[in-house]
Amino acid sequence: HAKPRTVEDDIRELSPWFHNLHLPDGT
């Protein structure tokens, strides 16, 4: 079974980031 997609997965896919956003889950 595929692992559930995480917020961290999305952040990596959308990188690079110039803004350090503090997300609701603390990420």
mmCIF file of all heavy atoms, coordinates in Angstrom:
data_MODEL
# 
_entry.id   MODEL 
# 
loop_
_atom_site.group_PDB 
_atom_site.id 
_atom_site.type_symbol 
_atom_site.label_atom_id 
_atom_site.label_alt_id 
_atom_site.label_comp_id 
_atom_site.label_asym_id 
_atom_site.label_entity_id 
_atom_site.label_seq_id 
_atom_site.pdbx_PDB_ins_code 
_atom_site.Cartn_x 
_atom_site.Cartn_y 
_atom_site.Cartn_z 
_atom_site.occupancy 
_atom_site.B_iso_or_equiv 
_atom_site.pdbx_formal_charge 
_atom_site.auth_seq_id 
_atom_site.auth_comp_id 
_atom_site.auth_asym_id 
_atom_site.auth_atom_id 
_atom_site.pdbx_PDB_model_num 
ATOM 1   N N   . HIS A 1 1  ? 0.847  -1.196 0.000  1.00 0.00 ? 1  HIS A N   1 
ATOM 2   C CA  . HIS A 1 1  ? 0.000  0.000  0.000  1.00 0.00 ? 1  HIS A CA  1 
ATOM 3   C C   . HIS A 1 1  ? 0.885  1.249  0.000  1.00 0.00 ? 1  HIS A C   1 
ATOM 4   O O   . HIS A 1 1  ? 1.893  1.308  0.714  1.00 0.00 ? 1  HIS A O   1 
ATOM 5   C CB  . HIS A 1 1  ? -0.914 0.008  1.222  1.00 0.00 ? 1  HIS A CB  1 
ATOM 6   C CG  . HIS A 1 1  ? -1.884 -1.132 1.250  1.00 0.00 ? 1  HIS A CG  1 
ATOM 7   N ND1 . HIS A 1 1  ? -3.048 -1.132 0.541  1.00 0.00 ? 1  HIS A ND1 1 
ATOM 8   C CD2 . HIS A 1 1  ? -1.819 -2.331 1.901  1.00 0.00 ? 1  HIS A CD2 1 
ATOM 9   C CE1 . HIS A 1 1  ? -3.697 -2.277 0.761  1.00 0.00 ? 1  HIS A CE1 1 
ATOM 10  N NE2 . HIS A 1 1  ? -2.969 -3.023 1.585  1.00 0.00 ? 1  HIS A NE2 1 
ATOM 11  N N   . ALA A 1 2  ? 0.483  2.214  -0.798 1.00 0.00 ? 2  ALA A N   1 
ATOM 12  C CA  . ALA A 1 2  ? 1.233  3.469  -0.840 1.00 0.00 ? 2  ALA A CA  1 
ATOM 13  C C   . ALA A 1 2  ? 1.120  4.194  0.490  1.00 0.00 ? 2  ALA A C   1 
ATOM 14  O O   . ALA A 1 2  ? 0.064  4.182  1.132  1.00 0.00 ? 2  ALA A O   1 
ATOM 15  C CB  . ALA A 1 2  ? 0.709  4.351  -1.972 1.00 0.00 ? 2  ALA A CB  1 
ATOM 16  N N   . LYS A 1 3  ? 2.201  4.789  0.910  1.00 0.00 ? 3  LYS A N   1 
ATOM 17  C CA  . LYS A 1 3  ? 2.175  5.553  2.150  1.00 0.00 ? 3  LYS A CA  1 
ATOM 18  C C   . LYS A 1 3  ? 1.305  6.793  1.962  1.00 0.00 ? 3  LYS A C   1 
ATOM 19  O O   . LYS A 1 3  ? 1.330  7.425  0.909  1.00 0.00 ? 3  LYS A O   1 
ATOM 20  C CB  . LYS A 1 3  ? 3.597  5.965  2.528  1.00 0.00 ? 3  LYS A CB  1 
ATOM 21  C CG  . LYS A 1 3  ? 4.496  4.818  2.927  1.00 0.00 ? 3  LYS A CG  1 
ATOM 22  C CD  . LYS A 1 3  ? 5.911  5.311  3.144  1.00 0.00 ? 3  LYS A CD  1 
ATOM 23  C CE  . LYS A 1 3  ? 5.986  6.353  4.233  1.00 0.00 ? 3  LYS A CE  1 
ATOM 24  N NZ  . LYS A 1 3  ? 7.396  6.776  4.487  1.00 0.00 ? 3  LYS A NZ  1 
ATOM 25  N N   . PRO A 1 4  ? 0.524  7.169  2.959  1.00 0.00 ? 4  PRO A N   1 
ATOM 26  C CA  . PRO A 1 4  ? -0.283 8.387  2.851  1.00 0.00 ? 4  PRO A CA  1 
ATOM 27  C C   . PRO A 1 4  ? 0.607  9.604  2.606  1.00 0.00 ? 4  PRO A C   1 
ATOM 28  O O   . PRO A 1 4  ? 1.707  9.713  3.166  1.00 0.00 ? 4  PRO A O   1 
ATOM 29  C CB  . PRO A 1 4  ? -0.972 8.473  4.219  1.00 0.00 ? 4  PRO A CB  1 
ATOM 30  C CG  . PRO A 1 4  ? -0.908 7.095  4.784  1.00 0.00 ? 4  PRO A CG  1 
ATOM 31  C CD  . PRO A 1 4  ? 0.352  6.479  4.246  1.00 0.00 ? 4  PRO A CD  1 
ATOM 32  N N   . ARG A 1 5  ? 0.128  10.504 1.782  1.00 0.00 ? 5  ARG A N   1 
ATOM 33  C CA  . ARG A 1 5  ? 0.905  11.707 1.474  1.00 0.00 ? 5  ARG A CA  1 
ATOM 34  C C   . ARG A 1 5  ? 0.904  12.624 2.692  1.00 0.00 ? 5  ARG A C   1 
ATOM 35  O O   . ARG A 1 5  ? -0.123 12.821 3.345  1.00 0.00 ? 5  ARG A O   1 
ATOM 36  C CB  . ARG A 1 5  ? 0.317  12.429 0.267  1.00 0.00 ? 5  ARG A CB  1 
ATOM 37  C CG  . ARG A 1 5  ? 1.193  13.565 -0.232 1.00 0.00 ? 5  ARG A CG  1 
ATOM 38  C CD  . ARG A 1 5  ? 0.711  14.092 -1.568 1.00 0.00 ? 5  ARG A CD  1 
ATOM 39  N NE  . ARG A 1 5  ? 1.598  15.111 -2.077 1.00 0.00 ? 5  ARG A NE  1 
ATOM 40  C CZ  . ARG A 1 5  ? 2.714  14.865 -2.755 1.00 0.00 ? 5  ARG A CZ  1 
ATOM 41  N NH1 . ARG A 1 5  ? 3.065  13.610 -2.979 1.00 0.00 ? 5  ARG A NH1 1 
ATOM 42  N NH2 . ARG A 1 5  ? 3.476  15.836 -3.189 1.00 0.00 ? 5  ARG A NH2 1 
ATOM 43  N N   . THR A 1 6  ? 2.036  13.211 2.985  1.00 0.00 ? 6  THR A N   1 
ATOM 44  C CA  . THR A 1 6  ? 2.178  14.069 4.155  1.00 0.00 ? 6  THR A CA  1 
ATOM 45  C C   . THR A 1 6  ? 2.402  15.521 3.739  1.00 0.00 ? 6  THR A C   1 
ATOM 46  O O   . THR A 1 6  ? 2.708  15.826 2.580  1.00 0.00 ? 6  THR A O   1 
ATOM 47  C CB  . THR A 1 6  ? 3.367  13.615 5.021  1.00 0.00 ? 6  THR A CB  1 
ATOM 48  O OG1 . THR A 1 6  ? 4.582  13.816 4.281  1.00 0.00 ? 6  THR A OG1 1 
ATOM 49  C CG2 . THR A 1 6  ? 3.236  12.151 5.398  1.00 0.00 ? 6  THR A CG2 1 
ATOM 50  N N   . VAL A 1 7  ? 2.273  16.410 4.722  1.00 0.00 ? 7  VAL A N   1 
ATOM 51  C CA  . VAL A 1 7  ? 2.586  17.825 4.502  1.00 0.00 ? 7  VAL A CA  1 
ATOM 52  C C   . VAL A 1 7  ? 4.043  17.979 4.083  1.00 0.00 ? 7  VAL A C   1 
ATOM 53  O O   . VAL A 1 7  ? 4.369  18.777 3.195  1.00 0.00 ? 7  VAL A O   1 
ATOM 54  C CB  . VAL A 1 7  ? 2.283  18.647 5.771  1.00 0.00 ? 7  VAL A CB  1 
ATOM 55  C CG1 . VAL A 1 7  ? 2.843  20.055 5.637  1.00 0.00 ? 7  VAL A CG1 1 
ATOM 56  C CG2 . VAL A 1 7  ? 0.793  18.693 6.052  1.00 0.00 ? 7  VAL A CG2 1 
ATOM 57  N N   . GLU A 1 8  ? 4.907  17.207 4.698  1.00 0.00 ? 8  GLU A N   1 
ATOM 58  C CA  . GLU A 1 8  ? 6.328  17.274 4.351  1.00 0.00 ? 8  GLU A CA  1 
ATOM 59  C C   . GLU A 1 8  ? 6.566  16.890 2.895  1.00 0.00 ? 8  GLU A C   1 
ATOM 60  O O   . GLU A 1 8  ? 7.434  17.473 2.221  1.00 0.00 ? 8  GLU A O   1 
ATOM 61  C CB  . GLU A 1 8  ? 7.146  16.368 5.275  1.00 0.00 ? 8  GLU A CB  1 
ATOM 62  C CG  . GLU A 1 8  ? 7.282  16.858 6.707  1.00 0.00 ? 8  GLU A CG  1 
ATOM 63  C CD  . GLU A 1 8  ? 6.050  16.562 7.562  1.00 0.00 ? 8  GLU A CD  1 
ATOM 64  O OE1 . GLU A 1 8  ? 5.105  15.899 7.046  1.00 0.00 ? 8  GLU A OE1 1 
ATOM 65  O OE2 . GLU A 1 8  ? 6.030  16.996 8.726  1.00 0.00 ? 8  GLU A OE2 1 
ATOM 66  N N   . ASP A 1 9  ? 5.793  15.929 2.396  1.00 0.00 ? 9  ASP A N   1 
ATOM 67  C CA  . ASP A 1 9  ? 5.900  15.549 0.985  1.00 0.00 ? 9  ASP A CA  1 
ATOM 68  C C   . ASP A 1 9  ? 5.542  16.727 0.087  1.00 0.00 ? 9  ASP A C   1 
ATOM 69  O O   . ASP A 1 9  ? 6.233  17.002 -0.912 1.00 0.00 ? 9  ASP A O   1 
ATOM 70  C CB  . ASP A 1 9  ? 4.969  14.370 0.671  1.00 0.00 ? 9  ASP A CB  1 
ATOM 71  C CG  . ASP A 1 9  ? 5.413  13.075 1.340  1.00 0.00 ? 9  ASP A CG  1 
ATOM 72  O OD1 . ASP A 1 9  ? 6.623  12.918 1.567  1.00 0.00 ? 9  ASP A OD1 1 
ATOM 73  O OD2 . ASP A 1 9  ? 4.535  12.240 1.625  1.00 0.00 ? 9  ASP A OD2 1 
ATOM 74  N N   . ASP A 1 10 ? 4.461  17.412 0.424  1.00 0.00 ? 10 ASP A N   1 
ATOM 75  C CA  . ASP A 1 10 ? 4.041  18.570 -0.374 1.00 0.00 ? 10 ASP A CA  1 
ATOM 76  C C   . ASP A 1 10 ? 5.094  19.673 -0.331 1.00 0.00 ? 10 ASP A C   1 
ATOM 77  O O   . ASP A 1 10 ? 5.389  20.303 -1.357 1.00 0.00 ? 10 ASP A O   1 
ATOM 78  C CB  . ASP A 1 10 ? 2.705  19.122 0.147  1.00 0.00 ? 10 ASP A CB  1 
ATOM 79  C CG  . ASP A 1 10 ? 1.529  18.203 -0.155 1.00 0.00 ? 10 ASP A CG  1 
ATOM 80  O OD1 . ASP A 1 10 ? 1.662  17.346 -1.056 1.00 0.00 ? 10 ASP A OD1 1 
ATOM 81  O OD2 . ASP A 1 10 ? 0.492  18.344 0.515  1.00 0.00 ? 10 ASP A OD2 1 
ATOM 82  N N   . ILE A 1 11 ? 5.653  19.930 0.837  1.00 0.00 ? 11 ILE A N   1 
ATOM 83  C CA  . ILE A 1 11 ? 6.671  20.975 0.970  1.00 0.00 ? 11 ILE A CA  1 
ATOM 84  C C   . ILE A 1 11 ? 7.879  20.657 0.098  1.00 0.00 ? 11 ILE A C   1 
ATOM 85  O O   . ILE A 1 11 ? 8.403  21.538 -0.598 1.00 0.00 ? 11 ILE A O   1 
ATOM 86  C CB  . ILE A 1 11 ? 7.086  21.137 2.447  1.00 0.00 ? 11 ILE A CB  1 
ATOM 87  C CG1 . ILE A 1 11 ? 5.929  21.740 3.248  1.00 0.00 ? 11 ILE A CG1 1 
ATOM 88  C CG2 . ILE A 1 11 ? 8.337  22.012 2.564  1.00 0.00 ? 11 ILE A CG2 1 
ATOM 89  C CD1 . ILE A 1 11 ? 6.160  21.769 4.745  1.00 0.00 ? 11 ILE A CD1 1 
ATOM 90  N N   . ARG A 1 12 ? 8.299  19.405 0.112  1.00 0.00 ? 12 ARG A N   1 
ATOM 91  C CA  . ARG A 1 12 ? 9.437  19.018 -0.733 1.00 0.00 ? 12 ARG A CA  1 
ATOM 92  C C   . ARG A 1 12 ? 9.095  19.177 -2.210 1.00 0.00 ? 12 ARG A C   1 
ATOM 93  O O   . ARG A 1 12 ? 9.925  19.660 -2.994 1.00 0.00 ? 12 ARG A O   1 
ATOM 94  C CB  . ARG A 1 12 ? 9.844  17.573 -0.430 1.00 0.00 ? 12 ARG A CB  1 
ATOM 95  C CG  . ARG A 1 12 ? 10.698 17.413 0.816  1.00 0.00 ? 12 ARG A CG  1 
ATOM 96  C CD  . ARG A 1 12 ? 11.303 16.034 0.878  1.00 0.00 ? 12 ARG A CD  1 
ATOM 97  N NE  . ARG A 1 12 ? 10.271 15.007 1.031  1.00 0.00 ? 12 ARG A NE  1 
ATOM 98  C CZ  . ARG A 1 12 ? 9.813  14.580 2.202  1.00 0.00 ? 12 ARG A CZ  1 
ATOM 99  N NH1 . ARG A 1 12 ? 10.286 15.092 3.326  1.00 0.00 ? 12 ARG A NH1 1 
ATOM 100 N NH2 . ARG A 1 12 ? 8.891  13.646 2.252  1.00 0.00 ? 12 ARG A NH2 1 
ATOM 101 N N   . GLU A 1 13 ? 7.896  18.788 -2.601 1.00 0.00 ? 13 GLU A N   1 
ATOM 102 C CA  . GLU A 1 13 ? 7.513  18.886 -4.006 1.00 0.00 ? 13 GLU A CA  1 
ATOM 103 C C   . GLU A 1 13 ? 7.429  20.336 -4.470 1.00 0.00 ? 13 GLU A C   1 
ATOM 104 O O   . GLU A 1 13 ? 7.708  20.648 -5.630 1.00 0.00 ? 13 GLU A O   1 
ATOM 105 C CB  . GLU A 1 13 ? 6.177  18.189 -4.224 1.00 0.00 ? 13 GLU A CB  1 
ATOM 106 C CG  . GLU A 1 13 ? 5.746  18.125 -5.686 1.00 0.00 ? 13 GLU A CG  1 
ATOM 107 C CD  . GLU A 1 13 ? 4.509  17.279 -5.869 1.00 0.00 ? 13 GLU A CD  1 
ATOM 108 O OE1 . GLU A 1 13 ? 4.561  16.082 -5.544 1.00 0.00 ? 13 GLU A OE1 1 
ATOM 109 O OE2 . GLU A 1 13 ? 3.492  17.829 -6.344 1.00 0.00 ? 13 GLU A OE2 1 
ATOM 110 N N   . LEU A 1 14 ? 7.035  21.225 -3.559 1.00 0.00 ? 14 LEU A N   1 
ATOM 111 C CA  . LEU A 1 14 ? 6.876  22.637 -3.894 1.00 0.00 ? 14 LEU A CA  1 
ATOM 112 C C   . LEU A 1 14 ? 8.156  23.457 -3.677 1.00 0.00 ? 14 LEU A C   1 
ATOM 113 O O   . LEU A 1 14 ? 8.160  24.660 -3.911 1.00 0.00 ? 14 LEU A O   1 
ATOM 114 C CB  . LEU A 1 14 ? 5.747  23.253 -3.063 1.00 0.00 ? 14 LEU A CB  1 
ATOM 115 C CG  . LEU A 1 14 ? 4.326  22.824 -3.427 1.00 0.00 ? 14 LEU A CG  1 
ATOM 116 C CD1 . LEU A 1 14 ? 3.352  23.189 -2.317 1.00 0.00 ? 14 LEU A CD1 1 
ATOM 117 C CD2 . LEU A 1 14 ? 3.898  23.453 -4.749 1.00 0.00 ? 14 LEU A CD2 1 
ATOM 118 N N   . SER A 1 15 ? 9.210  22.841 -3.227 1.00 0.00 ? 15 SER A N   1 
ATOM 119 C CA  . SER A 1 15 ? 10.445 23.578 -2.959 1.00 0.00 ? 15 SER A CA  1 
ATOM 120 C C   . SER A 1 15 ? 11.096 24.011 -4.283 1.00 0.00 ? 15 SER A C   1 
ATOM 121 O O   . SER A 1 15 ? 10.785 23.439 -5.342 1.00 0.00 ? 15 SER A O   1 
ATOM 122 C CB  . SER A 1 15 ? 11.416 22.695 -2.160 1.00 0.00 ? 15 SER A CB  1 
ATOM 123 O OG  . SER A 1 15 ? 11.799 21.566 -2.924 1.00 0.00 ? 15 SER A OG  1 
ATOM 124 N N   . PRO A 1 16 ? 11.979 25.018 -4.252 1.00 0.00 ? 16 PRO A N   1 
ATOM 125 C CA  . PRO A 1 16 ? 12.480 25.717 -3.067 1.00 0.00 ? 16 PRO A CA  1 
ATOM 126 C C   . PRO A 1 16 ? 11.510 26.795 -2.576 1.00 0.00 ? 16 PRO A C   1 
ATOM 127 O O   . PRO A 1 16 ? 10.739 27.348 -3.357 1.00 0.00 ? 16 PRO A O   1 
ATOM 128 C CB  . PRO A 1 16 ? 13.778 26.351 -3.566 1.00 0.00 ? 16 PRO A CB  1 
ATOM 129 C CG  . PRO A 1 16 ? 13.527 26.603 -5.024 1.00 0.00 ? 16 PRO A CG  1 
ATOM 130 C CD  . PRO A 1 16 ? 12.666 25.460 -5.491 1.00 0.00 ? 16 PRO A CD  1 
ATOM 131 N N   . TRP A 1 17 ? 11.585 27.096 -1.287 1.00 0.00 ? 17 TRP A N   1 
ATOM 132 C CA  . TRP A 1 17 ? 10.748 28.098 -0.643 1.00 0.00 ? 17 TRP A CA  1 
ATOM 133 C C   . TRP A 1 17 ? 11.598 29.309 -0.275 1.00 0.00 ? 17 TRP A C   1 
ATOM 134 O O   . TRP A 1 17 ? 12.711 29.164 0.230  1.00 0.00 ? 17 TRP A O   1 
ATOM 135 C CB  . TRP A 1 17 ? 10.118 27.531 0.632  1.00 0.00 ? 17 TRP A CB  1 
ATOM 136 C CG  . TRP A 1 17 ? 9.129  26.435 0.395  1.00 0.00 ? 17 TRP A CG  1 
ATOM 137 C CD1 . TRP A 1 17 ? 9.404  25.123 0.105  1.00 0.00 ? 17 TRP A CD1 1 
ATOM 138 C CD2 . TRP A 1 17 ? 7.705  26.550 0.449  1.00 0.00 ? 17 TRP A CD2 1 
ATOM 139 N NE1 . TRP A 1 17 ? 8.232  24.420 -0.025 1.00 0.00 ? 17 TRP A NE1 1 
ATOM 140 C CE2 . TRP A 1 17 ? 7.170  25.259 0.180  1.00 0.00 ? 17 TRP A CE2 1 
ATOM 141 C CE3 . TRP A 1 17 ? 6.822  27.605 0.704  1.00 0.00 ? 17 TRP A CE3 1 
ATOM 142 C CZ2 . TRP A 1 17 ? 5.803  25.010 0.155  1.00 0.00 ? 17 TRP A CZ2 1 
ATOM 143 C CZ3 . TRP A 1 17 ? 5.458  27.359 0.687  1.00 0.00 ? 17 TRP A CZ3 1 
ATOM 144 C CH2 . TRP A 1 17 ? 4.955  26.084 0.410  1.00 0.00 ? 17 TRP A CH2 1 
ATOM 145 N N   . PHE A 1 18 ? 11.042 30.503 -0.476 1.00 0.00 ? 18 PHE A N   1 
ATOM 146 C CA  . PHE A 1 18 ? 11.688 31.726 0.004  1.00 0.00 ? 18 PHE A CA  1 
ATOM 147 C C   . PHE A 1 18 ? 11.011 32.232 1.273  1.00 0.00 ? 18 PHE A C   1 
ATOM 148 O O   . PHE A 1 18 ? 11.634 32.908 2.082  1.00 0.00 ? 18 PHE A O   1 
ATOM 149 C CB  . PHE A 1 18 ? 11.670 32.807 -1.079 1.00 0.00 ? 18 PHE A CB  1 
ATOM 150 C CG  . PHE A 1 18 ? 12.507 34.015 -0.736 1.00 0.00 ? 18 PHE A CG  1 
ATOM 151 C CD1 . PHE A 1 18 ? 13.875 33.911 -0.548 1.00 0.00 ? 18 PHE A CD1 1 
ATOM 152 C CD2 . PHE A 1 18 ? 11.917 35.263 -0.578 1.00 0.00 ? 18 PHE A CD2 1 
ATOM 153 C CE1 . PHE A 1 18 ? 14.645 35.019 -0.214 1.00 0.00 ? 18 PHE A CE1 1 
ATOM 154 C CE2 . PHE A 1 18 ? 12.675 36.378 -0.252 1.00 0.00 ? 18 PHE A CE2 1 
ATOM 155 C CZ  . PHE A 1 18 ? 14.040 36.254 -0.073 1.00 0.00 ? 18 PHE A CZ  1 
ATOM 156 N N   . HIS A 1 19 ? 9.719  31.934 1.445  1.00 0.00 ? 19 HIS A N   1 
ATOM 157 C CA  . HIS A 1 19 ? 9.020  32.283 2.678  1.00 0.00 ? 19 HIS A CA  1 
ATOM 158 C C   . HIS A 1 19 ? 9.011  31.078 3.616  1.00 0.00 ? 19 HIS A C   1 
ATOM 159 O O   . HIS A 1 19 ? 8.633  29.971 3.206  1.00 0.00 ? 19 HIS A O   1 
ATOM 160 C CB  . HIS A 1 19 ? 7.568  32.683 2.390  1.00 0.00 ? 19 HIS A CB  1 
ATOM 161 C CG  . HIS A 1 19 ? 7.415  34.082 1.905  1.00 0.00 ? 19 HIS A CG  1 
ATOM 162 N ND1 . HIS A 1 19 ? 6.182  34.656 1.643  1.00 0.00 ? 19 HIS A ND1 1 
ATOM 163 C CD2 . HIS A 1 19 ? 8.340  35.042 1.631  1.00 0.00 ? 19 HIS A CD2 1 
ATOM 164 C CE1 . HIS A 1 19 ? 6.354  35.904 1.231  1.00 0.00 ? 19 HIS A CE1 1 
ATOM 165 N NE2 . HIS A 1 19 ? 7.654  36.150 1.216  1.00 0.00 ? 19 HIS A NE2 1 
ATOM 166 N N   . ASN A 1 20 ? 9.405  31.306 4.840  1.00 0.00 ? 20 ASN A N   1 
ATOM 167 C CA  . ASN A 1 20 ? 9.290  30.259 5.853  1.00 0.00 ? 20 ASN A CA  1 
ATOM 168 C C   . ASN A 1 20 ? 7.914  30.391 6.509  1.00 0.00 ? 20 ASN A C   1 
ATOM 169 O O   . ASN A 1 20 ? 7.727  31.180 7.436  1.00 0.00 ? 20 ASN A O   1 
ATOM 170 C CB  . ASN A 1 20 ? 10.388 30.375 6.903  1.00 0.00 ? 20 ASN A CB  1 
ATOM 171 C CG  . ASN A 1 20 ? 10.319 29.240 7.903  1.00 0.00 ? 20 ASN A CG  1 
ATOM 172 O OD1 . ASN A 1 20 ? 9.998  28.109 7.550  1.00 0.00 ? 20 ASN A OD1 1 
ATOM 173 N ND2 . ASN A 1 20 ? 10.618 29.536 9.165  1.00 0.00 ? 20 ASN A ND2 1 
ATOM 174 N N   . LEU A 1 21 ? 6.967  29.638 6.016  1.00 0.00 ? 21 LEU A N   1 
ATOM 175 C CA  . LEU A 1 21 ? 5.622  29.657 6.571  1.00 0.00 ? 21 LEU A CA  1 
ATOM 176 C C   . LEU A 1 21 ? 5.537  28.699 7.758  1.00 0.00 ? 21 LEU A C   1 
ATOM 177 O O   . LEU A 1 21 ? 6.040  27.576 7.695  1.00 0.00 ? 21 LEU A O   1 
ATOM 178 C CB  . LEU A 1 21 ? 4.600  29.238 5.510  1.00 0.00 ? 21 LEU A CB  1 
ATOM 179 C CG  . LEU A 1 21 ? 4.584  30.037 4.199  1.00 0.00 ? 21 LEU A CG  1 
ATOM 180 C CD1 . LEU A 1 21 ? 3.511  29.491 3.271  1.00 0.00 ? 21 LEU A CD1 1 
ATOM 181 C CD2 . LEU A 1 21 ? 4.372  31.520 4.461  1.00 0.00 ? 21 LEU A CD2 1 
ATOM 182 N N   . HIS A 1 22 ? 4.886  29.158 8.818  1.00 0.00 ? 22 HIS A N   1 
ATOM 183 C CA  . HIS A 1 22 ? 4.625  28.322 9.982  1.00 0.00 ? 22 HIS A CA  1 
ATOM 184 C C   . HIS A 1 22 ? 3.215  27.757 9.828  1.00 0.00 ? 22 HIS A C   1 
ATOM 185 O O   . HIS A 1 22 ? 2.228  28.469 10.029 1.00 0.00 ? 22 HIS A O   1 
ATOM 186 C CB  . HIS A 1 22 ? 4.745  29.137 11.275 1.00 0.00 ? 22 HIS A CB  1 
ATOM 187 C CG  . HIS A 1 22 ? 6.134  29.629 11.546 1.00 0.00 ? 22 HIS A CG  1 
ATOM 188 N ND1 . HIS A 1 22 ? 6.893  29.190 12.605 1.00 0.00 ? 22 HIS A ND1 1 
ATOM 189 C CD2 . HIS A 1 22 ? 6.925  30.527 10.878 1.00 0.00 ? 22 HIS A CD2 1 
ATOM 190 C CE1 . HIS A 1 22 ? 8.069  29.792 12.606 1.00 0.00 ? 22 HIS A CE1 1 
ATOM 191 N NE2 . HIS A 1 22 ? 8.109  30.618 11.549 1.00 0.00 ? 22 HIS A NE2 1 
ATOM 192 N N   . LEU A 1 23 ? 3.103  26.511 9.462  1.00 0.00 ? 23 LEU A N   1 
ATOM 193 C CA  . LEU A 1 23 ? 1.813  25.896 9.162  1.00 0.00 ? 23 LEU A CA  1 
ATOM 194 C C   . LEU A 1 23 ? 1.079  25.515 10.442 1.00 0.00 ? 23 LEU A C   1 
ATOM 195 O O   . LEU A 1 23 ? 1.689  25.410 11.516 1.00 0.00 ? 23 LEU A O   1 
ATOM 196 C CB  . LEU A 1 23 ? 2.025  24.684 8.269  1.00 0.00 ? 23 LEU A CB  1 
ATOM 197 C CG  . LEU A 1 23 ? 2.690  25.010 6.918  1.00 0.00 ? 23 LEU A CG  1 
ATOM 198 C CD1 . LEU A 1 23 ? 3.025  23.734 6.168  1.00 0.00 ? 23 LEU A CD1 1 
ATOM 199 C CD2 . LEU A 1 23 ? 1.812  25.920 6.073  1.00 0.00 ? 23 LEU A CD2 1 
ATOM 200 N N   . PRO A 1 24 ? -0.248 25.306 10.357 1.00 0.00 ? 24 PRO A N   1 
ATOM 201 C CA  . PRO A 1 24 ? -1.029 25.033 11.573 1.00 0.00 ? 24 PRO A CA  1 
ATOM 202 C C   . PRO A 1 24 ? -0.553 23.836 12.377 1.00 0.00 ? 24 PRO A C   1 
ATOM 203 O O   . PRO A 1 24 ? -0.715 23.806 13.608 1.00 0.00 ? 24 PRO A O   1 
ATOM 204 C CB  . PRO A 1 24 ? -2.444 24.807 11.017 1.00 0.00 ? 24 PRO A CB  1 
ATOM 205 C CG  . PRO A 1 24 ? -2.491 25.610 9.768  1.00 0.00 ? 24 PRO A CG  1 
ATOM 206 C CD  . PRO A 1 24 ? -1.118 25.482 9.178  1.00 0.00 ? 24 PRO A CD  1 
ATOM 207 N N   . ASP A 1 25 ? 0.057  22.844 11.714 1.00 0.00 ? 25 ASP A N   1 
ATOM 208 C CA  . ASP A 1 25 ? 0.512  21.664 12.451 1.00 0.00 ? 25 ASP A CA  1 
ATOM 209 C C   . ASP A 1 25 ? 1.915  21.841 13.033 1.00 0.00 ? 25 ASP A C   1 
ATOM 210 O O   . ASP A 1 25 ? 2.486  20.904 13.596 1.00 0.00 ? 25 ASP A O   1 
ATOM 211 C CB  . ASP A 1 25 ? 0.467  20.421 11.556 1.00 0.00 ? 25 ASP A CB  1 
ATOM 212 C CG  . ASP A 1 25 ? 1.482  20.469 10.412 1.00 0.00 ? 25 ASP A CG  1 
ATOM 213 O OD1 . ASP A 1 25 ? 2.131  21.535 10.230 1.00 0.00 ? 25 ASP A OD1 1 
ATOM 214 O OD2 . ASP A 1 25 ? 1.615  19.470 9.686  1.00 0.00 ? 25 ASP A OD2 1 
ATOM 215 N N   . GLY A 1 26 ? 2.475  23.051 12.902 1.00 0.00 ? 26 GLY A N   1 
ATOM 216 C CA  . GLY A 1 26 ? 3.806  23.320 13.432 1.00 0.00 ? 26 GLY A CA  1 
ATOM 217 C C   . GLY A 1 26 ? 4.936  23.129 12.435 1.00 0.00 ? 26 GLY A C   1 
ATOM 218 O O   . GLY A 1 26 ? 6.086  23.480 12.720 1.00 0.00 ? 26 GLY A O   1 
ATOM 219 N N   . THR A 1 27 ? 4.624  22.583 11.263 1.00 0.00 ? 27 THR A N   1 
ATOM 220 C CA  . THR A 1 27 ? 5.644  22.398 10.236 1.00 0.00 ? 27 THR A CA  1 
ATOM 221 C C   . THR A 1 27 ? 6.047  23.752 9.657  1.00 0.00 ? 27 THR A C   1 
ATOM 222 O O   . THR A 1 27 ? 5.229  24.659 9.533  1.00 0.00 ? 27 THR A O   1 
ATOM 223 C CB  . THR A 1 27 ? 5.094  21.507 9.105  1.00 0.00 ? 27 THR A CB  1 
ATOM 224 O OG1 . THR A 1 27 ? 4.570  20.310 9.672  1.00 0.00 ? 27 THR A OG1 1 
ATOM 225 C CG2 . THR A 1 27 ? 6.189  21.159 8.108  1.00 0.00 ? 27 THR A CG2 1 
# 
